[in-house]
Protein backbone atom coordinates (compact mmCIF):
# COMPACT_ATOMS: atom_id res chain seq x y z
CA MET A 1 54.89 38.63 25.12
CA SER A 2 56.58 37.18 22.09
CA VAL A 3 57.59 39.01 18.96
CA ILE A 4 54.87 37.25 16.98
CA GLU A 5 52.18 38.53 19.36
CA ILE A 6 53.51 42.08 19.15
CA VAL A 7 53.72 42.04 15.35
CA SER A 8 50.26 40.53 14.99
CA GLY A 9 48.83 43.04 17.46
CA VAL A 10 50.29 45.91 15.47
CA LEU A 11 48.95 44.35 12.27
CA LEU A 12 45.48 44.07 13.84
CA LEU A 13 45.63 47.70 14.92
CA ILE A 14 46.68 48.91 11.47
CA THR A 15 44.06 46.85 9.62
CA GLY A 16 41.36 47.99 12.06
CA VAL A 17 42.23 51.64 11.45
CA PHE A 18 42.30 51.07 7.67
CA ILE A 19 38.87 49.41 7.77
CA VAL A 20 37.42 52.39 9.63
CA VAL A 21 39.03 54.94 7.28
CA ILE A 22 38.04 53.08 4.12
CA THR A 23 34.48 52.67 5.36
CA LEU A 24 34.22 56.38 6.10
CA MET A 25 35.55 57.21 2.61
CA GLN A 26 32.76 55.28 0.91
CA SER A 27 29.69 57.14 -0.26
CA GLN A 28 26.27 56.43 1.16
CA LYS A 29 24.03 54.22 -0.93
CA GLN A 30 20.77 55.70 0.29
CA GLN A 31 18.60 57.55 -2.21
CA GLY A 32 17.08 59.79 0.44
CA MET A 33 13.54 60.58 1.47
CA THR A 34 12.89 62.85 -1.52
CA SER A 35 13.40 59.98 -3.94
CA ALA A 36 11.31 57.65 -1.80
CA ILE A 37 8.38 60.07 -1.70
CA SER A 38 8.51 61.15 -5.34
CA GLY A 39 9.37 57.69 -6.63
CA SER A 40 12.16 58.96 -8.82
CA ASN A 41 15.17 56.88 -9.69
CA ASN A 42 18.59 58.48 -9.34
CA ASP A 43 20.64 55.96 -11.32
CA SER A 44 23.38 57.51 -13.37
CA PHE A 45 25.86 56.18 -15.90
CA TYR A 46 28.34 55.46 -13.11
CA GLY A 47 25.70 53.71 -11.05
CA LYS A 48 24.92 51.31 -13.86
CA ASN A 49 28.55 50.79 -14.88
CA SER A 50 30.23 50.76 -11.50
CA ALA A 51 32.74 47.98 -12.17
CA ASN A 52 35.78 50.26 -12.19
CA THR A 53 34.72 53.25 -10.13
CA ARG A 54 36.30 54.56 -6.97
CA GLU A 55 33.47 53.19 -4.87
CA LYS A 56 33.96 49.69 -6.24
CA ALA A 57 37.70 49.86 -5.51
CA LEU A 58 37.01 50.98 -1.94
CA GLU A 59 34.47 48.18 -1.55
CA ARG A 60 37.03 45.59 -2.71
CA LEU A 61 39.69 47.06 -0.42
CA THR A 62 37.30 46.91 2.53
CA LYS A 63 36.62 43.23 1.88
CA ILE A 64 40.35 42.47 1.60
CA MET A 65 41.18 44.32 4.82
CA ALA A 66 38.33 42.58 6.66
CA ALA A 67 39.62 39.20 5.48
CA ILE A 68 43.16 40.06 6.64
CA PHE A 69 41.78 41.21 10.00
CA PHE A 70 39.80 37.97 10.39
CA ILE A 71 42.73 35.72 9.44
CA VAL A 72 45.20 37.52 11.73
CA THR A 73 42.72 37.38 14.63
CA ILE A 74 42.26 33.63 14.19
CA GLY A 75 46.04 33.19 13.89
CA VAL A 76 46.73 35.15 17.08
CA ASN A 77 44.21 33.08 19.00
CA ILE A 78 45.72 29.82 17.73
CA ILE A 79 49.25 30.97 18.60
CA ALA A 80 48.12 32.13 22.06
CA ALA A 81 46.48 28.75 22.71
CA LEU A 82 49.64 26.86 21.74
CA PHE A 83 51.90 28.78 24.08
């Protein structure tokens, strides 16, 4: 095992754990059965203006970590095929 494989494996492990943690930190986007039955709408000020909220930041971070995970996985497979 080369140093590059070890480093990329550790990077994959770290990004995988971060993706799981960040996903668990996000709030659920379901309105619930009460809203579905009564037909009420639970939009708030933060729901309408969610450009800079915590949820939006976590969503962006999840996308970034998933992209890093995908790129590192492809890179590891290319390196493994070359050697």
